[in-house]
Structure formats: C-alpha cells, structure tokens
Amino acid sequence: MKKLVLLFSTVVLTGIACAQHTLTINPVSDCYIVTFGGGEGKNSFLKFNISSIPPGAVFTNTKLRAFVTNINPNWDSDLWIVHYSNQTWVEGDSNMVIWNPVYFTDTLIQLSGFGTIPGWTETIDIKSFLDTDYLLGNTFFSVFLKDVDDMTTVPMPGSVSINDNDSMMLGNIFNDNIVFTPREWVNSPPELVIDYGITPTVQPVLPVPPVCEGSPVSFSVTATGDIPFTYQWQLNGVDSRC
C-alpha cells in the first residue's frame, strides 16, 4: 500500500542589492545662514523629500551635486558635510532656529574637490546619512555644508536665513568662498543623486496537499527584487535538488 506523504518545502533566496537604479531629487527647501566670530561665514542648508524612494532600497552611492557659478581666489574646495536631523525648518527661519540644534556628531569631511572650477561639483558619498532617515521612515532628509576653514559659529541675533532666489553660498568672507545655484534655478538646481538596488524577497511557499508516495509533485515560488540572485530549495531545512 502506498503511503500518503505530506510535503513542506522552503526556498532560500540569496542575492546582493547592486546599483540597478538611480534617483535624482531636487531640494524642497534651501537657504544659507551667516555666522560670526573670527570673521563672517556662510553655511548652506538643503532639504529633500525622500518619500519617492521605494521600499527595500539599499543605497550603494549617494552624492549631493551643485552647480557652481563663482569661485573666489582662496577657495580650497574642502567642506564639512553635516547630517541635519531637525526636519521642521523652512526657508526664512531665524538663523538661531536653524543653527542651535546642530551638533557635529554626524559629520563627514571632504578635504578637496568641491567646486574647483565653475560648473557641476559633487560631495563624497553620503549614503550613511541617507540610510538613517530612510530606515526611520522619515519624509525628509537634510544636510548643511560648512567650509572646514571657517571657524565662525554664532549667528547674528534676530537675523533670518537668506534665500533671495539668486544664490547659495559656502565659505567665509576672506576671499575663500563659492557661490552655487539654488533650487529655484530651473536649469541647474542642486541635486541629490541616489544609486540603489532592491533587496530580493521571496513569497512564502505554501504546503503542498498530501500526495501518494512516488507520485509527481511540483512547487513554485515568486521572487521580487533586483538581479542577480539564486534559489536554493530546502526540504526540512536541508538543501535539496528536488
């Protein structure tokens, strides 16, 4: 007599989320603030809406790009890139409102290469910052840029952030700064360029109804994500060729 056999099966899906997609986002808010103390510094803030990034994204590279229109003679192209966690700011906020919650805990230093010639320039990879807001489910992502050589820290009391639709600025007043285009410039606004892949996922394999021993049976599985990935069937936790 043939036995009835109840079959269960699982599939293990392996793969690496490679850079299959590129998303370019322009700021929804930007401004610069002026700080004092040992000179006069200019610090640029940019905020992006990241809600269009799909679920399951794994970032492989993220850079901020800006179109530089003017470079003063002593600009040496280094900068602090600071992850700004307060997402409530808007253009026209008081300098104190924007500046006071900022701490240099999540900071990357780019020693060269930001704005060496007029035209497009970009930061080093800042995907670690984007990861933080994305994994928290935040709608917005903000950074601010500050010249490494600019030691000013105190905004003028009562002043407001500057957004005159003409320029963004970075650096200090001593012939060591650059000017780049703001978000309002249709042809060349700043950009957040995000390279990402989608982590492979597999739909559960439901138990197959009981069949007679020796009878043929088939399984199927549905997987989503970016290739390449491979399948491995398992029977009772053991790799199987069946």
C-alpha atoms as a PDB file:
ATOM      1  CA  MET A   1       0.000   0.000   0.000  1.00  0.00           C
ATOM      2  CA  LYS A   2       1.332   3.419  -0.896  1.00  0.00           C
ATOM      3  CA  LYS A   3       1.635   5.925   1.882  1.00  0.00           C
ATOM      4  CA  LEU A   4       0.252   9.418   1.879  1.00  0.00           C
ATOM      5  CA  VAL A   5       3.068  11.909   2.280  1.00  0.00           C
ATOM      6  CA  LEU A   6       2.552  15.481   3.488  1.00  0.00           C
ATOM      7  CA  LEU A   7       5.179  17.700   1.891  1.00  0.00           C
ATOM      8  CA  PHE A   8       6.526  21.004   3.113  1.00  0.00           C
ATOM      9  CA  SER A   9       9.180  22.996   1.330  1.00  0.00           C
ATOM     10  CA  THR A  10      11.013  26.273   1.680  1.00  0.00           C
ATOM     11  CA  VAL A  11      13.207  28.214  -0.649  1.00  0.00           C
ATOM     12  CA  VAL A  12      16.252  30.249   0.296  1.00  0.00           C
ATOM     13  CA  LEU A  13      16.827  33.295  -1.897  1.00  0.00           C
ATOM     14  CA  THR A  14      20.251  34.852  -1.951  1.00  0.00           C
ATOM     15  CA  GLY A  15      21.469  37.926  -3.725  1.00  0.00           C
ATOM     16  CA  ILE A  16      23.186  41.269  -3.423  1.00  0.00           C
ATOM     17  CA  ALA A  17      21.344  44.541  -3.914  1.00  0.00           C
ATOM     18  CA  CYS A  18      23.506  46.040  -6.650  1.00  0.00           C
ATOM     19  CA  ALA A  19      23.111  49.543  -8.048  1.00  0.00           C
ATOM     20  CA  GLN A  20      20.334  48.922 -10.542  1.00  0.00           C
ATOM     21  CA  HIS A  21      18.540  52.255 -10.187  1.00  0.00           C
ATOM     22  CA  THR A  22      19.381  55.948  -9.967  1.00  0.00           C
ATOM     23  CA  LEU A  23      17.045  58.549  -8.487  1.00  0.00           C
ATOM     24  CA  THR A  24      17.742  62.280  -8.714  1.00  0.00           C
ATOM     25  CA  ILE A  25      15.914  64.588  -6.288  1.00  0.00           C
ATOM     26  CA  ASN A  26      15.962  68.383  -6.110  1.00  0.00           C
ATOM     27  CA  PRO A  27      15.603  70.280  -2.804  1.00  0.00           C
ATOM     28  CA  VAL A  28      12.214  71.309  -1.481  1.00  0.00           C
ATOM     29  CA  SER A  29      13.884  73.947   0.711  1.00  0.00           C
ATOM     30  CA  ASP A  30      17.285  75.608   0.732  1.00  0.00           C
ATOM     31  CA  CYS A  31      18.921  78.654   2.272  1.00  0.00           C
ATOM     32  CA  TYR A  32      22.177  79.862   3.709  1.00  0.00           C
ATOM     33  CA  ILE A  33      22.849  81.444   7.056  1.00  0.00           C
ATOM     34  CA  VAL A  34      25.578  83.874   8.025  1.00  0.00           C
ATOM     35  CA  THR A  35      27.636  83.214  11.168  1.00  0.00           C
ATOM     36  CA  PHE A  36      30.097  85.407  13.033  1.00  0.00           C
ATOM     37  CA  GLY A  37      33.030  85.067  15.416  1.00  0.00           C
ATOM     38  CA  GLY A  38      36.503  85.332  13.928  1.00  0.00           C
ATOM     39  CA  GLY A  39      35.154  86.507  10.604  1.00  0.00           C
ATOM     40  CA  GLU A  40      31.951  86.035   8.667  1.00  0.00           C
ATOM     41  CA  GLY A  41      30.922  82.594   7.479  1.00  0.00           C
ATOM     42  CA  LYS A  42      28.280  81.344   5.100  1.00  0.00           C
ATOM     43  CA  ASN A  43      26.672  77.924   5.603  1.00  0.00           C
ATOM     44  CA  SER A  44      24.238  76.270   3.166  1.00  0.00           C
ATOM     45  CA  PHE A  45      21.242  74.159   4.208  1.00  0.00           C
ATOM     46  CA  LEU A  46      19.346  71.851   1.831  1.00  0.00           C
ATOM     47  CA  LYS A  47      16.279  69.704   2.483  1.00  0.00           C
ATOM     48  CA  PHE A  48      14.995  66.891   0.222  1.00  0.00           C
ATOM     49  CA  ASN A  49      11.746  64.936   0.144  1.00  0.00           C
ATOM     50  CA  ILE A  50      12.798  61.262   0.061  1.00  0.00           C
ATOM     51  CA  SER A  51       9.317  59.706   0.119  1.00  0.00           C
ATOM     52  CA  SER A  52       9.681  58.619  -3.536  1.00  0.00           C
ATOM     53  CA  ILE A  53      12.427  56.113  -2.679  1.00  0.00           C
ATOM     54  CA  PRO A  54      10.777  52.661  -2.913  1.00  0.00           C
ATOM     55  CA  PRO A  55      10.630  50.160  -0.032  1.00  0.00           C
ATOM     56  CA  GLY A  56      13.536  47.757   0.256  1.00  0.00           C
ATOM     57  CA  ALA A  57      16.111  50.107  -1.253  1.00  0.00           C
ATOM     58  CA  VAL A  58      19.762  49.518  -0.418  1.00  0.00           C
ATOM     59  CA  PHE A  59      21.895  52.562  -1.181  1.00  0.00           C
ATOM     60  CA  THR A  60      25.179  51.987  -2.956  1.00  0.00           C
ATOM     61  CA  ASN A  61      26.122  55.625  -3.500  1.00  0.00           C
ATOM     62  CA  THR A  62      24.598  58.998  -2.612  1.00  0.00           C
ATOM     63  CA  LYS A  63      26.058  62.358  -3.578  1.00  0.00           C
ATOM     64  CA  LEU A  64      24.980  65.968  -3.407  1.00  0.00           C
ATOM     65  CA  ARG A  65      25.666  67.852  -6.648  1.00  0.00           C
ATOM     66  CA  ALA A  66      25.666  71.633  -7.078  1.00  0.00           C
ATOM     67  CA  PHE A  67      26.296  73.996  -9.976  1.00  0.00           C
ATOM     68  CA  VAL A  68      29.000  76.494  -9.004  1.00  0.00           C
ATOM     69  CA  THR A  69      28.778  79.922 -10.630  1.00  0.00           C
ATOM     70  CA  ASN A  70      31.556  81.806  -8.834  1.00  0.00           C
ATOM     71  CA  ILE A  71      34.773  80.832  -7.042  1.00  0.00           C
ATOM     72  CA  ASN A  72      36.802  83.333  -5.034  1.00  0.00           C
ATOM     73  CA  PRO A  73      40.606  83.071  -5.271  1.00  0.00           C
ATOM     74  CA  ASN A  74      41.400  81.337  -1.977  1.00  0.00           C
ATOM     75  CA  TRP A  75      38.703  78.671  -2.089  1.00  0.00           C
ATOM     76  CA  ASP A  76      40.460  75.358  -1.385  1.00  0.00           C
ATOM     77  CA  SER A  77      37.430  73.097  -2.063  1.00  0.00           C
ATOM     78  CA  ASP A  78      37.151  71.429   1.368  1.00  0.00           C
ATOM     79  CA  LEU A  79      33.971  71.246   3.424  1.00  0.00           C
ATOM     80  CA  TRP A  80      32.134  69.727   6.330  1.00  0.00           C
ATOM     81  CA  ILE A  81      29.014  67.800   5.321  1.00  0.00           C
ATOM     82  CA  VAL A  82      26.714  67.653   8.342  1.00  0.00           C
ATOM     83  CA  HIS A  83      23.602  65.495   8.646  1.00  0.00           C
ATOM     84  CA  TYR A  84      20.892  67.800   9.973  1.00  0.00           C
ATOM     85  CA  SER A  85      18.281  65.787  11.891  1.00  0.00           C
ATOM     86  CA  ASN A  86      15.767  68.586  12.537  1.00  0.00           C
ATOM     87  CA  GLN A  87      13.400  68.396   9.565  1.00  0.00           C
ATOM     88  CA  THR A  88      10.939  71.112  10.612  1.00  0.00           C
ATOM     89  CA  TRP A  89      12.920  74.072   9.268  1.00  0.00           C
ATOM     90  CA  VAL A  90      11.668  76.115   6.340  1.00  0.00           C
ATOM     91  CA  GLU A  91      13.178  78.883   4.252  1.00  0.00           C
ATOM     92  CA  GLY A  92      13.088  82.139   6.179  1.00  0.00           C
ATOM     93  CA  ASP A  93      13.555  80.585   9.626  1.00  0.00           C
ATOM     94  CA  SER A  94      15.598  82.511  12.138  1.00  0.00           C
ATOM     95  CA  ASN A  95      19.294  81.656  11.996  1.00  0.00           C
ATOM     96  CA  MET A  96      19.074  80.720  15.650  1.00  0.00           C
ATOM     97  CA  VAL A  97      16.233  78.286  14.941  1.00  0.00           C
ATOM     98  CA  ILE A  98      18.265  76.520  12.280  1.00  0.00           C
ATOM     99  CA  TRP A  99      21.659  76.673  13.926  1.00  0.00           C
ATOM    100  CA  ASN A 100      21.105  75.888  17.597  1.00  0.00           C
ATOM    101  CA  PRO A 101      20.028  72.198  17.273  1.00  0.00           C
ATOM    102  CA  VAL A 102      23.052  71.381  15.115  1.00  0.00           C
ATOM    103  CA  TYR A 103      25.711  69.129  16.547  1.00  0.00           C
ATOM    104  CA  PHE A 104      28.769  67.901  14.689  1.00  0.00           C
ATOM    105  CA  THR A 105      28.165  64.254  15.546  1.00  0.00           C
ATOM    106  CA  ASP A 106      27.150  63.003  12.095  1.00  0.00           C
ATOM    107  CA  THR A 107      29.743  64.777  10.002  1.00  0.00           C
ATOM    108  CA  LEU A 108      31.851  63.867   7.005  1.00  0.00           C
ATOM    109  CA  ILE A 109      34.882  65.881   5.963  1.00  0.00           C
ATOM    110  CA  GLN A 110      35.694  66.304   2.293  1.00  0.00           C
ATOM    111  CA  LEU A 111      39.228  67.602   2.022  1.00  0.00           C
ATOM    112  CA  SER A 112      39.153  68.614  -1.643  1.00  0.00           C
ATOM    113  CA  GLY A 113      37.214  68.557  -4.878  1.00  0.00           C
ATOM    114  CA  PHE A 114      34.095  70.576  -4.077  1.00  0.00           C
ATOM    115  CA  GLY A 115      33.988  73.426  -6.578  1.00  0.00           C
ATOM    116  CA  THR A 116      37.436  73.506  -8.125  1.00  0.00           C
ATOM    117  CA  ILE A 117      36.118  75.067 -11.361  1.00  0.00           C
ATOM    118  CA  PRO A 118      32.826  76.738 -12.319  1.00  0.00           C
ATOM    119  CA  GLY A 119      30.233  74.119 -13.246  1.00  0.00           C
ATOM    120  CA  TRP A 120      28.939  70.961 -11.622  1.00  0.00           C
ATOM    121  CA  THR A 121      30.642  69.720  -8.469  1.00  0.00           C
ATOM    122  CA  GLU A 122      29.735  66.982  -6.002  1.00  0.00           C
ATOM    123  CA  THR A 123      30.313  65.754  -2.482  1.00  0.00           C
ATOM    124  CA  ILE A 124      31.813  62.481  -1.390  1.00  0.00           C
ATOM    125  CA  ASP A 125      29.427  59.587  -0.709  1.00  0.00           C
ATOM    126  CA  ILE A 126      26.867  60.479   1.996  1.00  0.00           C
ATOM    127  CA  LYS A 127      24.734  57.323   1.862  1.00  0.00           C
ATOM    128  CA  SER A 128      25.282  56.693   5.579  1.00  0.00           C
ATOM    129  CA  PHE A 129      23.332  59.889   6.338  1.00  0.00           C
ATOM    130  CA  LEU A 130      20.514  58.992   3.960  1.00  0.00           C
ATOM    131  CA  ASP A 131      20.322  55.493   5.466  1.00  0.00           C
ATOM    132  CA  THR A 132      19.456  56.987   8.854  1.00  0.00           C
ATOM    133  CA  ASP A 133      16.403  58.963   7.710  1.00  0.00           C
ATOM    134  CA  TYR A 134      15.245  56.308   5.246  1.00  0.00           C
ATOM    135  CA  LEU A 135      15.320  53.483   7.796  1.00  0.00           C
ATOM    136  CA  LEU A 136      13.446  55.674  10.281  1.00  0.00           C
ATOM    137  CA  GLY A 137      10.726  56.231   7.686  1.00  0.00           C
ATOM    138  CA  ASN A 138      11.303  59.991   7.592  1.00  0.00           C
ATOM    139  CA  THR A 139       9.807  62.016   4.768  1.00  0.00           C
ATOM    140  CA  PHE A 140      12.699  64.484   4.580  1.00  0.00           C
ATOM    141  CA  PHE A 141      16.478  64.421   4.530  1.00  0.00           C
ATOM    142  CA  SER A 142      18.610  67.488   5.311  1.00  0.00           C
ATOM    143  CA  VAL A 143      22.282  68.363   5.190  1.00  0.00           C
ATOM    144  CA  PHE A 144      24.219  71.535   5.669  1.00  0.00           C
ATOM    145  CA  LEU A 145      27.582  72.466   4.237  1.00  0.00           C
ATOM    146  CA  LYS A 146      30.287  74.443   6.015  1.00  0.00           C
ATOM    147  CA  ASP A 147      33.818  75.367   4.994  1.00  0.00           C
ATOM    148  CA  VAL A 148      36.351  73.374   7.023  1.00  0.00           C
ATOM    149  CA  ASP A 149      38.481  76.534   7.382  1.00  0.00           C
ATOM    150  CA  ASP A 150      35.539  78.635   8.613  1.00  0.00           C
ATOM    151  CA  MET A 151      35.583  78.777  12.419  1.00  0.00           C
ATOM    152  CA  THR A 152      32.571  81.085  12.809  1.00  0.00           C
ATOM    153  CA  THR A 153      29.829  79.617  14.975  1.00  0.00           C
ATOM    154  CA  VAL A 154      27.474  82.363  16.146  1.00  0.00           C
ATOM    155  CA  PRO A 155      24.576  83.645  14.042  1.00  0.00           C
ATOM    156  CA  MET A 156      23.702  87.309  14.336  1.00  0.00           C
ATOM    157  CA  PRO A 157      20.792  87.710  16.802  1.00  0.00           C
ATOM    158  CA  GLY A 158      17.500  88.331  15.077  1.00  0.00           C
ATOM    159  CA  SER A 159      18.780  87.577  11.590  1.00  0.00           C
ATOM    160  CA  VAL A 160      16.951  85.227   9.249  1.00  0.00           C
ATOM    161  CA  SER A 161      18.096  82.640   6.768  1.00  0.00           C
ATOM    162  CA  ILE A 162      18.867  84.059   3.330  1.00  0.00           C
ATOM    163  CA  ASN A 163      17.038  82.859   0.252  1.00  0.00           C
ATOM    164  CA  ASP A 164      16.886  85.522  -2.409  1.00  0.00           C
ATOM    165  CA  ASN A 165      16.441  83.093  -5.331  1.00  0.00           C
ATOM    166  CA  ASP A 166      19.816  84.199  -6.657  1.00  0.00           C
ATOM    167  CA  SER A 167      22.490  82.118  -5.000  1.00  0.00           C
ATOM    168  CA  MET A 168      23.663  79.731  -2.328  1.00  0.00           C
ATOM    169  CA  MET A 169      26.969  80.445  -0.614  1.00  0.00           C
ATOM    170  CA  LEU A 170      29.624  78.480   1.216  1.00  0.00           C
ATOM    171  CA  GLY A 171      32.836  79.648   2.869  1.00  0.00           C
ATOM    172  CA  ASN A 172      33.945  82.836   4.586  1.00  0.00           C
ATOM    173  CA  ILE A 173      34.251  86.481   3.668  1.00  0.00           C
ATOM    174  CA  PHE A 174      38.055  86.439   3.253  1.00  0.00           C
ATOM    175  CA  ASN A 175      38.122  85.563  -0.447  1.00  0.00           C
ATOM    176  CA  ASP A 176      37.518  81.932   0.473  1.00  0.00           C
ATOM    177  CA  ASN A 177      34.028  81.047  -0.695  1.00  0.00           C
ATOM    178  CA  ILE A 178      31.979  79.776  -3.594  1.00  0.00           C
ATOM    179  CA  VAL A 179      28.525  80.554  -4.956  1.00  0.00           C
ATOM    180  CA  PHE A 180      26.208  77.916  -6.401  1.00  0.00           C
ATOM    181  CA  THR A 181      22.701  77.930  -7.831  1.00  0.00           C
ATOM    182  CA  PRO A 182      19.624  77.482  -5.583  1.00  0.00           C
ATOM    183  CA  ARG A 183      16.641  75.199  -6.078  1.00  0.00           C
ATOM    184  CA  GLU A 184      14.715  77.954  -7.874  1.00  0.00           C
ATOM    185  CA  TRP A 185      17.067  77.795 -10.866  1.00  0.00           C
ATOM    186  CA  VAL A 186      15.145  75.536 -13.248  1.00  0.00           C
ATOM    187  CA  ASN A 187      18.123  74.557 -15.410  1.00  0.00           C
ATOM    188  CA  SER A 188      20.666  73.758 -12.705  1.00  0.00           C
ATOM    189  CA  PRO A 189      19.246  73.330  -9.186  1.00  0.00           C
ATOM    190  CA  PRO A 190      21.163  71.266  -6.613  1.00  0.00           C
ATOM    191  CA  GLU A 191      20.641  67.507  -6.853  1.00  0.00           C
ATOM    192  CA  LEU A 192      20.712  64.538  -4.530  1.00  0.00           C
ATOM    193  CA  VAL A 193      21.784  61.626  -6.746  1.00  0.00           C
ATOM    194  CA  ILE A 194      20.951  58.236  -5.220  1.00  0.00           C
ATOM    195  CA  ASP A 195      22.147  54.900  -6.611  1.00  0.00           C
ATOM    196  CA  TYR A 196      20.345  51.917  -5.100  1.00  0.00           C
ATOM    197  CA  GLY A 197      19.248  48.338  -5.540  1.00  0.00           C
ATOM    198  CA  ILE A 198      16.173  46.478  -4.276  1.00  0.00           C
ATOM    199  CA  THR A 199      16.811  43.639  -1.849  1.00  0.00           C
ATOM    200  CA  PRO A 200      15.463  40.328  -3.226  1.00  0.00           C
ATOM    201  CA  THR A 201      12.423  38.930  -1.420  1.00  0.00           C
ATOM    202  CA  VAL A 202      10.506  35.676  -1.867  1.00  0.00           C
ATOM    203  CA  GLN A 203       6.845  34.897  -1.308  1.00  0.00           C
ATOM    204  CA  PRO A 204       6.212  32.029   1.152  1.00  0.00           C
ATOM    205  CA  VAL A 205       5.844  28.565  -0.381  1.00  0.00           C
ATOM    206  CA  LEU A 206       2.566  27.109   0.850  1.00  0.00           C
ATOM    207  CA  PRO A 207       2.386  23.436   1.930  1.00  0.00           C
ATOM    208  CA  VAL A 208       1.547  21.060  -0.891  1.00  0.00           C
ATOM    209  CA  PRO A 209      -1.544  18.872  -0.273  1.00  0.00           C
ATOM    210  CA  PRO A 210      -0.835  15.231   0.656  1.00  0.00           C
ATOM    211  CA  VAL A 211       0.131  13.006  -2.281  1.00  0.00           C
ATOM    212  CA  CYS A 212       0.806   9.323  -2.678  1.00  0.00           C
ATOM    213  CA  GLU A 213       4.392   8.203  -2.230  1.00  0.00           C
ATOM    214  CA  GLY A 214       6.163   8.109  -5.590  1.00  0.00           C
ATOM    215  CA  SER A 215       3.681  10.425  -7.271  1.00  0.00           C
ATOM    216  CA  PRO A 216       4.994  13.529  -9.010  1.00  0.00           C
ATOM    217  CA  VAL A 217       4.609  16.879  -7.300  1.00  0.00           C
ATOM    218  CA  SER A 218       5.612  20.398  -8.267  1.00  0.00           C
ATOM    219  CA  PHE A 219       6.476  23.555  -6.328  1.00  0.00           C
ATOM    220  CA  SER A 220       6.553  27.178  -7.417  1.00  0.00           C
ATOM    221  CA  VAL A 221       7.889  30.377  -5.924  1.00  0.00           C
ATOM    222  CA  THR A 222       7.567  34.074  -6.653  1.00  0.00           C
ATOM    223  CA  ALA A 223      10.514  36.394  -6.077  1.00  0.00           C
ATOM    224  CA  THR A 224      10.940  40.129  -6.453  1.00  0.00           C
ATOM    225  CA  GLY A 225      13.988  42.351  -6.380  1.00  0.00           C
ATOM    226  CA  ASP A 226      16.999  43.196  -8.470  1.00  0.00           C
ATOM    227  CA  ILE A 227      19.001  40.501 -10.200  1.00  0.00           C
ATOM    228  CA  PRO A 228      21.304  38.678  -9.911  1.00  0.00           C
ATOM    229  CA  PHE A 229      20.008  36.265  -7.282  1.00  0.00           C
ATOM    230  CA  THR A 230      19.851  32.478  -6.922  1.00  0.00           C
ATOM    231  CA  TYR A 231      17.372  29.991  -5.483  1.00  0.00           C
ATOM    232  CA  GLN A 232      18.054  27.062  -3.147  1.00  0.00           C
ATOM    233  CA  TRP A 233      15.271  24.654  -2.321  1.00  0.00           C
ATOM    234  CA  GLN A 234      15.332  23.102   1.127  1.00  0.00           C
ATOM    235  CA  LEU A 235      13.448  20.063   2.491  1.00  0.00           C
ATOM    236  CA  ASN A 236      13.208  20.000   6.282  1.00  0.00           C
ATOM    237  CA  GLY A 237      15.979  22.579   6.456  1.00  0.00           C
ATOM    238  CA  VAL A 238      18.337  20.577   4.225  1.00  0.00           C
ATOM    239  CA  ASP A 239      19.387  21.723   0.749  1.00  0.00           C
ATOM    240  CA  SER A 240      17.580  19.689  -1.874  1.00  0.00           C
ATOM    241  CA  ARG A 241      17.792  19.171  -5.632  1.00  0.00           C
ATOM    242  CA  CYS A 242      14.110  18.258  -5.808  1.00  0.00           C
END
